[in-house]
């Protein structure tokens, strides 16, 4: 029984190292008041536009989603499911 507890604790420690922070310091949030009107118009309903950022890796808008289990960044999408980006992919 002790070995099972040690294995479980070891797994938790190892997996904790795999966690990536939500925001990178170079990914600055877009001020909600400065979010372009055309982006607001394209965004599908149900997405929180109060904390939107553009990620440097892909140039797309991402929003902060606070779910029941975790808080994460999700891509801001149009009503037909396409991501909203500042440059062509």
PDB file of N, CA and C in Angstrom:
ATOM      1  N   UNK A   1       0.827  -1.197   0.000  1.00  0.00           N
ATOM      2  CA  UNK A   1       0.000   0.000   0.000  1.00  0.00           C
ATOM      3  C   UNK A   1       0.864   1.251   0.000  1.00  0.00           C
ATOM      4  N   UNK A   2       2.003   1.206   0.738  1.00  0.00           N
ATOM      5  CA  UNK A   2       2.893   2.361   0.748  1.00  0.00           C
ATOM      6  C   UNK A   2       3.496   2.608  -0.629  1.00  0.00           C
ATOM      7  N   UNK A   3       3.809   1.531  -1.333  1.00  0.00           N
ATOM      8  CA  UNK A   3       4.420   1.699  -2.658  1.00  0.00           C
ATOM      9  C   UNK A   3       3.432   2.362  -3.632  1.00  0.00           C
ATOM     10  N   UNK A   4       2.165   2.073  -3.494  1.00  0.00           N
ATOM     11  CA  UNK A   4       1.149   2.704  -4.334  1.00  0.00           C
ATOM     12  C   UNK A   4       1.082   4.206  -4.058  1.00  0.00           C
ATOM     13  N   UNK A   5       1.183   4.583  -2.797  1.00  0.00           N
ATOM     14  CA  UNK A   5       1.166   6.000  -2.439  1.00  0.00           C
ATOM     15  C   UNK A   5       2.419   6.699  -2.958  1.00  0.00           C
ATOM     16  N   UNK A   6       3.553   6.045  -2.887  1.00  0.00           N
ATOM     17  CA  UNK A   6       4.799   6.628  -3.383  1.00  0.00           C
ATOM     18  C   UNK A   6       4.735   6.797  -4.899  1.00  0.00           C
ATOM     19  N   UNK A   7       4.189   5.816  -5.586  1.00  0.00           N
ATOM     20  CA  UNK A   7       4.060   5.901  -7.039  1.00  0.00           C
ATOM     21  C   UNK A   7       3.122   7.054  -7.417  1.00  0.00           C
ATOM     22  N   UNK A   8       2.019   7.183  -6.718  1.00  0.00           N
ATOM     23  CA  UNK A   8       1.068   8.265  -6.991  1.00  0.00           C
ATOM     24  C   UNK A   8       1.671   9.634  -6.740  1.00  0.00           C
ATOM     25  N   UNK A   9       2.393   9.771  -5.639  1.00  0.00           N
ATOM     26  CA  UNK A   9       3.040  11.042  -5.322  1.00  0.00           C
ATOM     27  C   UNK A   9       4.111  11.366  -6.357  1.00  0.00           C
ATOM     28  N   UNK A  10       4.871  10.375  -6.759  1.00  0.00           N
ATOM     29  CA  UNK A  10       5.910  10.582  -7.776  1.00  0.00           C
ATOM     30  C   UNK A  10       5.299  11.020  -9.104  1.00  0.00           C
ATOM     31  N   UNK A  11       4.193  10.418  -9.467  1.00  0.00           N
ATOM     32  CA  UNK A  11       3.521  10.787 -10.713  1.00  0.00           C
ATOM     33  C   UNK A  11       3.047  12.237 -10.666  1.00  0.00           C
ATOM     34  N   UNK A  12       2.531  12.665  -9.532  1.00  0.00           N
ATOM     35  CA  UNK A  12       2.071  14.048  -9.391  1.00  0.00           C
ATOM     36  C   UNK A  12       3.232  15.032  -9.526  1.00  0.00           C
ATOM     37  N   UNK A  13       4.357  14.703  -8.932  1.00  0.00           N
ATOM     38  CA  UNK A  13       5.524  15.582  -9.001  1.00  0.00           C
ATOM     39  C   UNK A  13       6.029  15.670 -10.438  1.00  0.00           C
ATOM     40  N   UNK A  14       6.105  14.538 -11.115  1.00  0.00           N
ATOM     41  CA  UNK A  14       6.583  14.521 -12.495  1.00  0.00           C
ATOM     42  C   UNK A  14       5.632  15.297 -13.402  1.00  0.00           C
ATOM     43  N   UNK A  15       4.335  15.090 -13.258  1.00  0.00           N
ATOM     44  CA  UNK A  15       3.365  15.774 -14.112  1.00  0.00           C
ATOM     45  C   UNK A  15       3.287  17.266 -13.828  1.00  0.00           C
ATOM     46  N   UNK A  16       3.599  17.687 -12.627  1.00  0.00           N
ATOM     47  CA  UNK A  16       3.571  19.108 -12.296  1.00  0.00           C
ATOM     48  C   UNK A  16       4.589  19.878 -13.130  1.00  0.00           C
ATOM     49  N   UNK A  17       5.652  19.221 -13.525  1.00  0.00           N
ATOM     50  CA  UNK A  17       6.652  19.864 -14.358  1.00  0.00           C
ATOM     51  C   UNK A  17       6.186  20.065 -15.792  1.00  0.00           C
ATOM     52  N   UNK A  18       5.105  19.456 -16.175  1.00  0.00           N
ATOM     53  CA  UNK A  18       4.602  19.565 -17.544  1.00  0.00           C
ATOM     54  C   UNK A  18       3.642  20.731 -17.731  1.00  0.00           C
ATOM     55  N   UNK A  19       3.302  21.419 -16.683  1.00  0.00           N
ATOM     56  CA  UNK A  19       2.320  22.495 -16.763  1.00  0.00           C
ATOM     57  C   UNK A  19       2.952  23.722 -17.391  1.00  0.00           C
ATOM     58  N   UNK A  20       2.243  24.304 -18.349  1.00  0.00           N
ATOM     59  CA  UNK A  20       2.706  25.521 -19.003  1.00  0.00           C
ATOM     60  C   UNK A  20       1.850  26.682 -18.509  1.00  0.00           C
ATOM     61  N   UNK A  21       2.472  27.807 -18.189  1.00  0.00           N
ATOM     62  CA  UNK A  21       1.675  28.939 -17.725  1.00  0.00           C
ATOM     63  C   UNK A  21       0.707  29.417 -18.797  1.00  0.00           C
ATOM     64  N   UNK A  22      -0.412  29.996 -18.352  1.00  0.00           N
ATOM     65  CA  UNK A  22      -1.444  30.464 -19.276  1.00  0.00           C
ATOM     66  C   UNK A  22      -0.909  31.536 -20.213  1.00  0.00           C
ATOM     67  N   UNK A  23      -0.241  32.507 -19.697  1.00  0.00           N
ATOM     68  CA  UNK A  23       0.169  33.630 -20.532  1.00  0.00           C
ATOM     69  C   UNK A  23       1.680  33.772 -20.545  1.00  0.00           C
ATOM     70  N   UNK A  24       2.189  34.075 -21.679  1.00  0.00           N
ATOM     71  CA  UNK A  24       3.593  34.357 -21.830  1.00  0.00           C
ATOM     72  C   UNK A  24       3.767  35.852 -21.612  1.00  0.00           C
ATOM     73  N   UNK A  25       4.895  36.269 -21.070  1.00  0.00           N
ATOM     74  CA  UNK A  25       5.074  37.688 -20.772  1.00  0.00           C
ATOM     75  C   UNK A  25       5.056  38.550 -22.024  1.00  0.00           C
ATOM     76  N   UNK A  26       5.397  37.968 -23.196  1.00  0.00           N
ATOM     77  CA  UNK A  26       5.397  38.763 -24.424  1.00  0.00           C
ATOM     78  C   UNK A  26       4.000  38.872 -25.035  1.00  0.00           C
ATOM     79  N   UNK A  27       3.042  38.093 -24.553  1.00  0.00           N
ATOM     80  CA  UNK A  27       1.676  38.129 -25.058  1.00  0.00           C
ATOM     81  C   UNK A  27       0.863  39.101 -24.212  1.00  0.00           C
ATOM     82  N   UNK A  28       0.787  40.311 -24.667  1.00  0.00           N
ATOM     83  CA  UNK A  28       0.106  41.356 -23.909  1.00  0.00           C
ATOM     84  C   UNK A  28      -1.391  41.299 -24.173  1.00  0.00           C
ATOM     85  N   UNK A  29      -2.198  41.443 -23.126  1.00  0.00           N
ATOM     86  CA  UNK A  29      -3.643  41.478 -23.335  1.00  0.00           C
ATOM     87  C   UNK A  29      -4.046  42.710 -24.145  1.00  0.00           C
ATOM     88  N   UNK A  30      -5.064  42.550 -24.960  1.00  0.00           N
ATOM     89  CA  UNK A  30      -5.626  43.668 -25.711  1.00  0.00           C
ATOM     90  C   UNK A  30      -6.620  44.355 -24.793  1.00  0.00           C
ATOM     91  N   UNK A  31      -6.496  45.651 -24.648  1.00  0.00           N
ATOM     92  CA  UNK A  31      -7.435  46.405 -23.824  1.00  0.00           C
ATOM     93  C   UNK A  31      -8.838  46.208 -24.386  1.00  0.00           C
ATOM     94  N   UNK A  32      -9.771  45.827 -23.524  1.00  0.00           N
ATOM     95  CA  UNK A  32     -11.139  45.533 -23.966  1.00  0.00           C
ATOM     96  C   UNK A  32     -11.753  46.717 -24.702  1.00  0.00           C
ATOM     97  N   UNK A  33     -11.404  47.931 -24.304  1.00  0.00           N
ATOM     98  CA  UNK A  33     -11.939  49.117 -24.969  1.00  0.00           C
ATOM     99  C   UNK A  33     -11.319  49.298 -26.352  1.00  0.00           C
ATOM    100  N   UNK A  34     -10.130  48.734 -26.584  1.00  0.00           N
ATOM    101  CA  UNK A  34      -9.435  48.887 -27.867  1.00  0.00           C
ATOM    102  C   UNK A  34      -9.635  47.698 -28.798  1.00  0.00           C
ATOM    103  N   UNK A  35     -10.383  46.716 -28.388  1.00  0.00           N
ATOM    104  CA  UNK A  35     -10.650  45.575 -29.258  1.00  0.00           C
ATOM    105  C   UNK A  35     -11.415  46.081 -30.477  1.00  0.00           C
ATOM    106  N   UNK A  36     -10.880  45.849 -31.681  1.00  0.00           N
ATOM    107  CA  UNK A  36     -11.534  46.401 -32.878  1.00  0.00           C
ATOM    108  C   UNK A  36     -12.993  45.958 -32.996  1.00  0.00           C
ATOM    109  N   UNK A  37     -13.813  46.884 -33.489  1.00  0.00           N
ATOM    110  CA  UNK A  37     -15.240  46.605 -33.642  1.00  0.00           C
ATOM    111  C   UNK A  37     -15.498  45.450 -34.595  1.00  0.00           C
ATOM    112  N   UNK A  38     -14.671  45.326 -35.642  1.00  0.00           N
ATOM    113  CA  UNK A  38     -14.889  44.228 -36.581  1.00  0.00           C
ATOM    114  C   UNK A  38     -14.580  42.870 -35.939  1.00  0.00           C
ATOM    115  N   UNK A  39     -13.633  42.845 -34.995  1.00  0.00           N
ATOM    116  CA  UNK A  39     -13.352  41.598 -34.262  1.00  0.00           C
ATOM    117  C   UNK A  39     -14.528  41.265 -33.364  1.00  0.00           C
ATOM    118  N   UNK A  40     -15.067  42.273 -32.680  1.00  0.00           N
ATOM    119  CA  UNK A  40     -16.251  42.051 -31.832  1.00  0.00           C
ATOM    120  C   UNK A  40     -17.417  41.518 -32.660  1.00  0.00           C
ATOM    121  N   UNK A  41     -17.591  42.065 -33.859  1.00  0.00           N
ATOM    122  CA  UNK A  41     -18.707  41.655 -34.712  1.00  0.00           C
ATOM    123  C   UNK A  41     -18.532  40.228 -35.221  1.00  0.00           C
ATOM    124  N   UNK A  42     -17.282  39.829 -35.489  1.00  0.00           N
ATOM    125  CA  UNK A  42     -17.022  38.477 -36.004  1.00  0.00           C
ATOM    126  C   UNK A  42     -17.103  37.400 -34.935  1.00  0.00           C
ATOM    127  N   UNK A  43     -16.811  37.756 -33.680  1.00  0.00           N
ATOM    128  CA  UNK A  43     -16.720  36.769 -32.599  1.00  0.00           C
ATOM    129  C   UNK A  43     -18.067  36.103 -32.335  1.00  0.00           C
ATOM    130  N   UNK A  44     -18.015  34.808 -32.187  1.00  0.00           N
ATOM    131  CA  UNK A  44     -19.222  34.047 -31.869  1.00  0.00           C
ATOM    132  C   UNK A  44     -19.690  34.391 -30.458  1.00  0.00           C
ATOM    133  N   UNK A  45     -20.984  34.285 -30.188  1.00  0.00           N
ATOM    134  CA  UNK A  45     -21.484  34.558 -28.839  1.00  0.00           C
ATOM    135  C   UNK A  45     -20.962  33.521 -27.847  1.00  0.00           C
ATOM    136  N   UNK A  46     -20.914  33.918 -26.586  1.00  0.00           N
ATOM    137  CA  UNK A  46     -20.497  33.006 -25.524  1.00  0.00           C
ATOM    138  C   UNK A  46     -19.013  33.043 -25.229  1.00  0.00           C
ATOM    139  N   UNK A  47     -18.267  33.918 -25.904  1.00  0.00           N
ATOM    140  CA  UNK A  47     -16.836  34.060 -25.654  1.00  0.00           C
ATOM    141  C   UNK A  47     -16.605  35.336 -24.856  1.00  0.00           C
ATOM    142  N   UNK A  48     -15.770  35.262 -23.838  1.00  0.00           N
ATOM    143  CA  UNK A  48     -15.504  36.407 -22.964  1.00  0.00           C
ATOM    144  C   UNK A  48     -14.518  37.353 -23.647  1.00  0.00           C
ATOM    145  N   UNK A  49     -14.982  38.514 -24.055  1.00  0.00           N
ATOM    146  CA  UNK A  49     -14.141  39.469 -24.754  1.00  0.00           C
ATOM    147  C   UNK A  49     -13.444  40.444 -23.817  1.00  0.00           C
ATOM    148  N   UNK A  50     -13.581  40.250 -22.514  1.00  0.00           N
ATOM    149  CA  UNK A  50     -12.953  41.166 -21.562  1.00  0.00           C
ATOM    150  C   UNK A  50     -11.460  40.883 -21.389  1.00  0.00           C
ATOM    151  N   UNK A  51     -11.015  39.664 -21.647  1.00  0.00           N
ATOM    152  CA  UNK A  51      -9.591  39.330 -21.536  1.00  0.00           C
ATOM    153  C   UNK A  51      -9.128  38.622 -22.799  1.00  0.00           C
ATOM    154  N   UNK A  52      -8.887  39.403 -23.826  1.00  0.00           N
ATOM    155  CA  UNK A  52      -8.439  38.875 -25.118  1.00  0.00           C
ATOM    156  C   UNK A  52      -6.987  39.260 -25.314  1.00  0.00           C
ATOM    157  N   UNK A  53      -6.212  38.388 -25.940  1.00  0.00           N
ATOM    158  CA  UNK A  53      -4.821  38.687 -26.241  1.00  0.00           C
ATOM    159  C   UNK A  53      -4.474  38.118 -27.606  1.00  0.00           C
ATOM    160  N   UNK A  54      -3.429  38.653 -28.209  1.00  0.00           N
ATOM    161  CA  UNK A  54      -2.912  38.129 -29.467  1.00  0.00           C
ATOM    162  C   UNK A  54      -1.620  37.388 -29.128  1.00  0.00           C
ATOM    163  N   UNK A  55      -1.562  36.113 -29.452  1.00  0.00           N
ATOM    164  CA  UNK A  55      -0.360  35.333 -29.180  1.00  0.00           C
ATOM    165  C   UNK A  55       0.667  35.566 -30.284  1.00  0.00           C
ATOM    166  N   UNK A  56       1.918  35.709 -29.889  1.00  0.00           N
ATOM    167  CA  UNK A  56       2.997  35.981 -30.830  1.00  0.00           C
ATOM    168  C   UNK A  56       3.244  34.805 -31.775  1.00  0.00           C
ATOM    169  N   UNK A  57       2.993  33.584 -31.318  1.00  0.00           N
ATOM    170  CA  UNK A  57       3.289  32.399 -32.134  1.00  0.00           C
ATOM    171  C   UNK A  57       2.446  32.330 -33.401  1.00  0.00           C
ATOM    172  N   UNK A  58       1.159  32.676 -33.283  1.00  0.00           N
ATOM    173  CA  UNK A  58       0.276  32.505 -34.432  1.00  0.00           C
ATOM    174  C   UNK A  58      -0.420  33.789 -34.896  1.00  0.00           C
ATOM    175  N   UNK A  59      -0.323  34.853 -34.113  1.00  0.00           N
ATOM    176  CA  UNK A  59      -0.966  36.106 -34.502  1.00  0.00           C
ATOM    177  C   UNK A  59      -2.475  36.090 -34.373  1.00  0.00           C
ATOM    178  N   UNK A  60      -3.018  35.116 -33.658  1.00  0.00           N
ATOM    179  CA  UNK A  60      -4.470  34.990 -33.501  1.00  0.00           C
ATOM    180  C   UNK A  60      -4.925  35.523 -32.146  1.00  0.00           C
ATOM    181  N   UNK A  61      -6.188  35.902 -32.095  1.00  0.00           N
ATOM    182  CA  UNK A  61      -6.797  36.348 -30.842  1.00  0.00           C
ATOM    183  C   UNK A  61      -7.164  35.126 -30.004  1.00  0.00           C
ATOM    184  N   UNK A  62      -6.894  35.198 -28.712  1.00  0.00           N
ATOM    185  CA  UNK A  62      -7.245  34.148 -27.756  1.00  0.00           C
ATOM    186  C   UNK A  62      -7.947  34.809 -26.587  1.00  0.00           C
ATOM    187  N   UNK A  63      -8.908  34.108 -25.994  1.00  0.00           N
ATOM    188  CA  UNK A  63      -9.609  34.655 -24.826  1.00  0.00           C
ATOM    189  C   UNK A  63      -9.453  33.719 -23.641  1.00  0.00           C
ATOM    190  N   UNK A  64      -9.594  34.299 -22.457  1.00  0.00           N
ATOM    191  CA  UNK A  64      -9.458  33.535 -21.207  1.00  0.00           C
ATOM    192  C   UNK A  64     -10.789  32.876 -20.892  1.00  0.00           C
ATOM    193  N   UNK A  65     -10.761  31.553 -20.796  1.00  0.00           N
ATOM    194  CA  UNK A  65     -11.958  30.785 -20.467  1.00  0.00           C
ATOM    195  C   UNK A  65     -11.790  30.213 -19.067  1.00  0.00           C
ATOM    196  N   UNK A  66     -12.682  30.569 -18.170  1.00  0.00           N
ATOM    197  CA  UNK A  66     -12.663  30.052 -16.805  1.00  0.00           C
ATOM    198  C   UNK A  66     -13.711  28.956 -16.705  1.00  0.00           C
ATOM    199  N   UNK A  67     -13.270  27.714 -16.819  1.00  0.00           N
ATOM    200  CA  UNK A  67     -14.171  26.570 -16.758  1.00  0.00           C
ATOM    201  C   UNK A  67     -14.341  26.063 -15.343  1.00  0.00           C
ATOM    202  N   UNK A  68     -15.121  25.016 -15.162  1.00  0.00           N
ATOM    203  CA  UNK A  68     -15.361  24.485 -13.826  1.00  0.00           C
ATOM    204  C   UNK A  68     -14.126  23.820 -13.212  1.00  0.00           C
ATOM    205  N   UNK A  69     -13.190  23.379 -14.052  1.00  0.00           N
ATOM    206  CA  UNK A  69     -12.012  22.678 -13.543  1.00  0.00           C
ATOM    207  C   UNK A  69     -10.751  23.512 -13.666  1.00  0.00           C
ATOM    208  N   UNK A  70     -10.587  24.198 -14.792  1.00  0.00           N
ATOM    209  CA  UNK A  70      -9.367  24.963 -15.007  1.00  0.00           C
ATOM    210  C   UNK A  70      -9.659  26.227 -15.802  1.00  0.00           C
ATOM    211  N   UNK A  71      -8.712  27.136 -15.754  1.00  0.00           N
ATOM    212  CA  UNK A  71      -8.768  28.353 -16.547  1.00  0.00           C
ATOM    213  C   UNK A  71      -7.699  28.237 -17.621  1.00  0.00           C
ATOM    214  N   UNK A  72      -8.084  28.488 -18.853  1.00  0.00           N
ATOM    215  CA  UNK A  72      -7.162  28.318 -19.971  1.00  0.00           C
ATOM    216  C   UNK A  72      -7.452  29.339 -21.053  1.00  0.00           C
ATOM    217  N   UNK A  73      -6.554  29.440 -22.011  1.00  0.00           N
ATOM    218  CA  UNK A  73      -6.776  30.298 -23.163  1.00  0.00           C
ATOM    219  C   UNK A  73      -7.354  29.464 -24.296  1.00  0.00           C
ATOM    220  N   UNK A  74      -8.386  30.000 -24.940  1.00  0.00           N
ATOM    221  CA  UNK A  74      -9.002  29.349 -26.092  1.00  0.00           C
ATOM    222  C   UNK A  74      -8.974  30.313 -27.263  1.00  0.00           C
ATOM    223  N   UNK A  75      -8.878  29.801 -28.483  1.00  0.00           N
ATOM    224  CA  UNK A  75      -8.868  30.707 -29.630  1.00  0.00           C
ATOM    225  C   UNK A  75     -10.225  31.387 -29.805  1.00  0.00           C
ATOM    226  N   UNK A  76     -10.174  32.670 -30.090  1.00  0.00           N
ATOM    227  CA  UNK A  76     -11.393  33.427 -30.378  1.00  0.00           C
ATOM    228  C   UNK A  76     -11.865  33.008 -31.759  1.00  0.00           C
ATOM    229  N   UNK A  77     -13.097  32.576 -31.868  1.00  0.00           N
ATOM    230  CA  UNK A  77     -13.596  32.003 -33.119  1.00  0.00           C
ATOM    231  C   UNK A  77     -14.807  32.771 -33.638  1.00  0.00           C
ATOM    232  N   UNK A  78     -15.000  32.661 -34.950  1.00  0.00           N
ATOM    233  CA  UNK A  78     -16.176  33.241 -35.593  1.00  0.00           C
ATOM    234  C   UNK A  78     -17.353  32.291 -35.380  1.00  0.00           C
ATOM    235  N   UNK A  79     -18.525  32.694 -35.838  1.00  0.00           N
ATOM    236  CA  UNK A  79     -19.706  31.861 -35.654  1.00  0.00           C
ATOM    237  C   UNK A  79     -19.619  30.548 -36.414  1.00  0.00           C
ATOM    238  N   UNK A  80     -18.820  30.509 -37.478  1.00  0.00           N
ATOM    239  CA  UNK A  80     -18.673  29.242 -38.201  1.00  0.00           C
ATOM    240  C   UNK A  80     -17.439  28.452 -37.757  1.00  0.00           C
ATOM    241  N   UNK A  81     -16.789  28.881 -36.653  1.00  0.00           N
ATOM    242  CA  UNK A  81     -15.722  28.095 -36.043  1.00  0.00           C
ATOM    243  C   UNK A  81     -14.308  28.411 -36.486  1.00  0.00           C
ATOM    244  N   UNK A  82     -14.129  29.406 -37.357  1.00  0.00           N
ATOM    245  CA  UNK A  82     -12.783  29.759 -37.797  1.00  0.00           C
ATOM    246  C   UNK A  82     -12.120  30.668 -36.770  1.00  0.00           C
ATOM    247  N   UNK A  83     -10.800  30.500 -36.536  1.00  0.00           N
ATOM    248  CA  UNK A  83     -10.099  31.398 -35.596  1.00  0.00           C
ATOM    249  C   UNK A  83      -9.983  32.819 -36.184  1.00  0.00           C
ATOM    250  N   UNK A  84      -9.980  33.808 -35.313  1.00  0.00           N
ATOM    251  CA  UNK A  84      -9.833  35.197 -35.723  1.00  0.00           C
ATOM    252  C   UNK A  84      -8.367  35.576 -35.531  1.00  0.00           C
ATOM    253  N   UNK A  85      -7.682  35.907 -36.638  1.00  0.00           N
ATOM    254  CA  UNK A  85      -6.250  36.177 -36.597  1.00  0.00           C
ATOM    255  C   UNK A  85      -5.941  37.551 -37.201  1.00  0.00           C
ATOM    256  N   UNK A  86      -4.750  38.065 -36.856  1.00  0.00           N
ATOM    257  CA  UNK A  86      -4.322  39.349 -37.393  1.00  0.00           C
ATOM    258  C   UNK A  86      -3.546  39.190 -38.682  1.00  0.00           C
ATOM    259  N   UNK A  87      -3.113  37.965 -38.980  1.00  0.00           N
ATOM    260  CA  UNK A  87      -2.392  37.702 -40.234  1.00  0.00           C
ATOM    261  C   UNK A  87      -2.856  36.373 -40.807  1.00  0.00           C
ATOM    262  N   UNK A  88      -2.669  36.205 -42.096  1.00  0.00           N
ATOM    263  CA  UNK A  88      -3.087  34.976 -42.770  1.00  0.00           C
ATOM    264  C   UNK A  88      -2.275  33.803 -42.267  1.00  0.00           C
ATOM    265  N   UNK A  89      -2.936  32.658 -42.113  1.00  0.00           N
ATOM    266  CA  UNK A  89      -2.232  31.470 -41.607  1.00  0.00           C
ATOM    267  C   UNK A  89      -1.727  30.628 -42.749  1.00  0.00           C
TER     268      UNK A  89
END
